[in-house]
Protein backbone atom coordinates (compact mmCIF):
# COMPACT_ATOMS: atom_id res chain seq x y z
CA GLN A 1 -4.21 15.18 12.42
CA VAL A 2 -3.22 11.86 10.90
CA GLN A 3 -0.76 11.49 8.05
CA LEU A 4 0.19 8.53 5.90
CA VAL A 5 3.61 8.66 4.30
CA GLU A 6 4.65 6.14 1.67
CA SER A 7 8.20 5.29 0.67
CA GLY A 8 10.09 2.67 -1.30
CA GLY A 9 9.02 3.38 -4.85
CA GLY A 10 11.47 3.68 -7.71
CA LEU A 11 12.64 2.37 -11.06
CA VAL A 12 13.27 -1.35 -11.42
CA GLN A 13 13.73 -3.78 -14.27
CA ALA A 14 11.12 -6.40 -15.04
CA GLY A 15 11.57 -9.38 -12.75
CA GLY A 16 12.93 -7.24 -9.95
CA SER A 17 11.53 -6.44 -6.52
CA LEU A 18 10.54 -3.42 -4.48
CA ARG A 19 9.23 -3.03 -0.96
CA LEU A 20 6.82 -0.20 -0.23
CA SER A 21 6.17 1.16 3.25
CA CYS A 22 3.39 3.34 4.58
CA ALA A 23 3.72 4.82 8.03
CA ALA A 24 0.86 6.49 9.86
CA SER A 25 1.53 9.25 12.35
CA GLY A 26 -0.53 11.62 14.44
CA SER A 27 -3.39 11.20 16.86
CA ILE A 28 -4.04 7.55 16.12
CA GLY A 29 -6.46 5.58 18.24
CA SER A 30 -6.24 2.24 16.49
CA MET A 31 -5.44 1.07 12.99
CA LEU A 32 -8.20 -0.89 11.28
CA ALA A 33 -7.95 -2.13 7.68
CA MET A 34 -4.99 -0.98 5.63
CA ASN A 35 -4.60 -1.37 1.91
CA TRP A 36 -2.66 -0.43 -1.20
CA HIS A 37 -4.12 0.94 -4.40
CA ARG A 38 -2.38 1.78 -7.63
CA GLN A 39 -3.14 3.97 -10.60
CA ALA A 40 -1.56 3.55 -13.99
CA PRO A 41 -1.49 6.46 -16.45
CA GLY A 42 -4.90 6.88 -18.06
CA LYS A 43 -6.51 4.23 -15.87
CA GLN A 44 -8.69 4.22 -12.79
CA ARG A 45 -7.23 3.62 -9.37
CA GLU A 46 -7.51 -0.04 -8.40
CA LEU A 47 -7.21 -1.97 -5.16
CA VAL A 48 -4.06 -4.09 -5.12
CA ALA A 49 -4.11 -5.64 -1.65
CA PHE A 50 -5.64 -5.18 1.76
CA ILE A 51 -5.02 -6.44 5.26
CA THR A 52 -7.47 -6.33 8.15
CA SER A 53 -6.62 -5.52 11.75
CA SER A 54 -6.52 -9.27 12.45
CA GLY A 55 -4.13 -9.92 9.59
CA ARG A 56 -6.49 -11.36 6.99
CA THR A 57 -5.30 -10.47 3.51
CA ASN A 58 -6.66 -10.38 -0.01
CA TYR A 59 -5.13 -9.50 -3.36
CA ALA A 60 -6.09 -8.47 -6.85
CA ASP A 61 -5.83 -11.41 -9.24
CA SER A 62 -3.13 -9.61 -11.21
CA VAL A 63 -0.71 -9.61 -8.25
CA LYS A 64 -1.54 -12.87 -6.46
CA GLY A 65 1.56 -14.93 -5.83
CA ARG A 66 3.85 -11.96 -6.50
CA PHE A 67 2.87 -9.31 -3.93
CA THR A 68 2.63 -9.68 -0.16
CA ILE A 69 0.99 -7.18 2.17
CA SER A 70 1.92 -7.12 5.84
CA ARG A 71 1.66 -4.77 8.78
CA ASP A 72 3.51 -3.80 11.94
CA ASN A 73 0.85 -2.64 14.36
CA ALA A 74 3.39 -1.43 16.91
CA LYS A 75 4.78 0.97 14.30
CA ASN A 76 1.47 1.77 12.58
CA THR A 77 3.04 0.72 9.31
CA VAL A 78 1.90 -1.37 6.36
CA PHE A 79 4.23 -2.89 3.80
CA LEU A 80 3.87 -4.17 0.26
CA GLN A 81 6.55 -6.58 -0.91
CA MET A 82 6.45 -6.71 -4.70
CA ASN A 83 8.34 -9.48 -6.45
CA THR A 84 8.63 -10.54 -10.09
CA LEU A 85 7.57 -7.08 -11.16
CA LYS A 86 6.11 -6.57 -14.62
CA PRO A 87 5.88 -3.41 -16.77
CA GLU A 88 2.13 -3.45 -16.21
CA ASP A 89 2.76 -2.93 -12.49
CA THR A 90 3.94 0.59 -13.29
CA GLY A 91 1.94 3.36 -11.65
CA GLY A 92 1.41 5.46 -8.57
CA TYR A 93 0.94 3.36 -5.44
CA TYR A 94 -1.25 4.81 -2.71
CA CYS A 95 -1.69 3.70 0.85
CA ASN A 96 -5.17 3.84 2.36
CA ALA A 97 -6.08 3.19 5.96
CA GLN A 98 -9.13 3.17 8.18
CA ILE A 99 -8.04 4.62 11.51
CA LYS A 100 -9.97 5.29 14.67
CA VAL A 101 -9.43 8.85 15.79
CA GLY A 102 -11.26 9.91 18.89
CA GLY A 103 -13.21 6.65 18.71
CA ILE A 104 -14.51 7.42 15.21
CA PRO A 105 -13.28 5.42 12.17
CA ARG A 106 -11.97 7.69 9.47
CA GLU A 107 -10.34 7.04 6.10
CA TYR A 108 -6.95 8.44 5.15
CA TRP A 109 -4.81 8.42 1.99
CA GLY A 110 -1.11 8.85 1.49
CA GLN A 111 0.39 11.07 -1.18
CA GLY A 112 1.56 8.13 -3.28
CA THR A 113 4.87 6.74 -4.42
CA GLN A 114 5.79 6.04 -8.04
CA VAL A 115 6.76 2.58 -9.22
CA THR A 116 8.20 2.23 -12.71
CA VAL A 117 9.03 -1.18 -14.14
CA SER A 118 11.10 -1.21 -17.32
CA SER A 119 10.98 -4.06 -19.81
């Protein structure tokens, strides 16, 4: 069994910062791509940022220049540093990872962590 556990969400004022973490545990072969999604109330879940196993990154236009995704392969952890937060960044943030288990790539989701940005 593989689990993804997010942490670091909370309530912050506009302009503030938060750092999210997502740690994978269990029978992990190797971590492939890892990414963060978010879902605002009444909206569809959207991809915020992803990072490949080699460290290549990409971001949604709405967060470019403000968010930074990174990973610690030794700890099977991905991070999302969020700066200059805006009220529209409010939502549930979900970690997603492609992980090889028993040589087979599988997709896993975390339970989510809430980010609320007040104006």
